[in-house]
């Protein structure tokens, strides 16, 4: 009696699970990405290779290259900034302030604003920077 051997099938790779995983990753990154829109002063932030994302609701102070300040989309002077920061910090649980200073800002101005933020009651201060683009 002669038995037939089954024909050999060519090996193949099923990429459907791979496509599913890649699709889920694309959806995850699209949903978790935040888009920041800063109104007020035009700033050119310094680059940093280690930037961290913050919660969407943050207390942000903007310092332009000419030394002008912006808080909550309004240009303010240092006295107004101190008062408004104290009020905002007293109303929030997270007492974290983000300082976004133009890279052309005077170092002394940045230090003065940092001191003002600490005196207003901030428990933590974060310096805003844009992600380095491989320059």
Protein backbone atom coordinates (compact mmCIF):
# COMPACT_ATOMS: atom_id res chain seq x y z
CA UNK A 1 0.00 0.00 0.00
CA UNK A 2 1.33 3.38 -0.95
CA UNK A 3 0.54 6.43 1.22
CA UNK A 4 0.45 9.90 -0.11
CA UNK A 5 2.50 12.47 1.66
CA UNK A 6 0.76 15.75 2.22
CA UNK A 7 2.25 18.53 0.16
CA UNK A 8 4.38 21.00 1.98
CA UNK A 9 2.85 24.42 2.39
CA UNK A 10 5.05 27.44 2.21
CA UNK A 11 5.59 29.08 5.59
CA UNK A 12 3.87 32.44 6.00
CA UNK A 13 3.77 35.11 8.65
CA UNK A 14 0.40 36.40 9.74
CA UNK A 15 0.84 40.16 10.26
CA UNK A 16 -2.73 40.88 11.33
CA UNK A 17 -1.85 40.90 15.07
CA UNK A 18 1.09 43.21 14.35
CA UNK A 19 -1.17 45.64 12.50
CA UNK A 20 -3.61 45.56 15.43
CA UNK A 21 -0.88 46.38 17.93
CA UNK A 22 0.53 49.22 15.81
CA UNK A 23 -2.97 50.64 15.33
CA UNK A 24 -3.56 50.58 19.10
CA UNK A 25 -0.23 52.35 19.68
CA UNK A 26 -1.15 55.06 17.18
CA UNK A 27 -4.49 55.58 18.92
CA UNK A 28 -2.79 55.68 22.35
CA UNK A 29 -0.27 58.33 21.30
CA UNK A 30 -2.89 60.39 19.47
CA UNK A 31 -5.13 60.45 22.54
CA UNK A 32 -2.37 61.10 25.07
CA UNK A 33 -0.77 63.95 23.12
CA UNK A 34 -1.50 67.44 24.40
CA UNK A 35 -1.46 70.49 22.23
CA UNK A 36 -0.41 73.67 24.02
CA UNK A 37 -1.48 77.05 22.78
CA UNK A 38 0.12 79.98 24.55
CA UNK A 39 -1.55 83.31 24.00
CA UNK A 40 -0.03 86.60 25.05
CA UNK A 41 3.66 87.27 24.62
CA UNK A 42 5.67 85.80 21.75
CA UNK A 43 8.45 83.70 23.27
CA UNK A 44 11.27 81.63 21.89
CA UNK A 45 11.87 79.03 24.59
CA UNK A 46 15.30 77.50 25.09
CA UNK A 47 15.69 73.87 24.08
CA UNK A 48 16.01 71.05 26.58
CA UNK A 49 16.60 67.36 26.01
CA UNK A 50 14.61 66.44 29.12
CA UNK A 51 11.21 68.07 29.05
CA UNK A 52 8.23 66.81 31.04
CA UNK A 53 4.54 67.25 30.35
CA UNK A 54 2.42 69.06 32.91
CA UNK A 55 -1.27 68.83 33.71
CA UNK A 56 -3.38 70.96 31.35
CA UNK A 57 -4.46 73.31 34.18
CA UNK A 58 -1.28 75.00 35.30
CA UNK A 59 -0.31 78.40 36.64
CA UNK A 60 2.00 79.87 34.02
CA UNK A 61 4.04 83.07 34.03
CA UNK A 62 5.51 84.26 30.73
CA UNK A 63 8.62 86.46 30.62
CA UNK A 64 9.42 88.06 27.25
CA UNK A 65 12.89 89.05 26.04
CA UNK A 66 12.15 92.74 26.75
CA UNK A 67 11.26 91.95 30.39
CA UNK A 68 7.48 92.23 30.04
CA UNK A 69 5.37 89.75 32.00
CA UNK A 70 2.16 87.93 31.12
CA UNK A 71 -0.14 86.05 33.49
CA UNK A 72 -3.44 84.45 32.47
CA UNK A 73 -3.22 86.01 28.98
CA UNK A 74 -2.80 89.57 30.34
CA UNK A 75 0.29 91.70 30.45
CA UNK A 76 1.01 92.65 34.07
CA UNK A 77 3.73 94.42 36.04
CA UNK A 78 5.62 92.77 38.90
CA UNK A 79 3.33 94.07 41.67
CA UNK A 80 0.20 92.88 39.85
CA UNK A 81 1.88 89.54 39.20
CA UNK A 82 2.63 89.05 42.90
CA UNK A 83 -0.98 89.78 43.90
CA UNK A 84 -2.51 87.60 41.19
CA UNK A 85 -0.11 84.73 41.87
CA UNK A 86 -0.97 84.78 45.59
CA UNK A 87 -4.67 84.71 44.73
CA UNK A 88 -4.28 81.87 42.18
CA UNK A 89 -2.06 79.81 44.46
CA UNK A 90 -4.50 80.14 47.35
CA UNK A 91 -7.31 78.80 45.13
CA UNK A 92 -5.45 75.70 43.91
CA UNK A 93 -4.34 72.50 45.57
CA UNK A 94 -1.19 72.10 43.47
CA UNK A 95 1.01 75.05 44.22
CA UNK A 96 3.21 74.60 41.16
CA UNK A 97 4.07 77.50 38.86
CA UNK A 98 5.56 77.18 35.37
CA UNK A 99 7.91 79.98 34.33
CA UNK A 100 8.30 80.28 30.57
CA UNK A 101 11.08 82.76 29.90
CA UNK A 102 12.33 83.74 26.46
CA UNK A 103 15.84 82.45 25.87
CA UNK A 104 16.96 86.04 25.26
CA UNK A 105 15.66 87.20 28.66
CA UNK A 106 18.08 88.77 31.08
CA UNK A 107 19.27 86.30 33.71
CA UNK A 108 18.61 88.85 36.47
CA UNK A 109 14.98 89.21 35.37
CA UNK A 110 14.48 85.45 35.45
CA UNK A 111 15.95 85.22 38.97
CA UNK A 112 13.77 88.12 40.20
CA UNK A 113 10.62 86.48 38.82
CA UNK A 114 11.63 83.16 40.38
CA UNK A 115 11.98 84.89 43.77
CA UNK A 116 8.63 86.62 43.29
CA UNK A 117 6.97 83.28 42.53
CA UNK A 118 8.45 81.68 45.67
CA UNK A 119 7.36 84.64 47.82
CA UNK A 120 3.83 84.35 46.44
CA UNK A 121 3.56 80.89 48.02
CA UNK A 122 4.54 78.47 45.27
CA UNK A 123 5.81 75.15 46.58
CA UNK A 124 7.45 74.17 43.29
CA UNK A 125 8.70 76.02 40.25
CA UNK A 126 9.08 74.50 36.80
CA UNK A 127 11.04 76.16 34.02
CA UNK A 128 9.28 75.81 30.66
CA UNK A 129 11.30 74.68 27.66
CA UNK A 130 10.57 73.26 24.24
CA UNK A 131 11.81 69.81 23.25
CA UNK A 132 15.18 69.78 21.52
CA UNK A 133 14.85 69.05 17.82
CA UNK A 134 18.28 67.50 17.31
CA UNK A 135 20.09 70.78 16.72
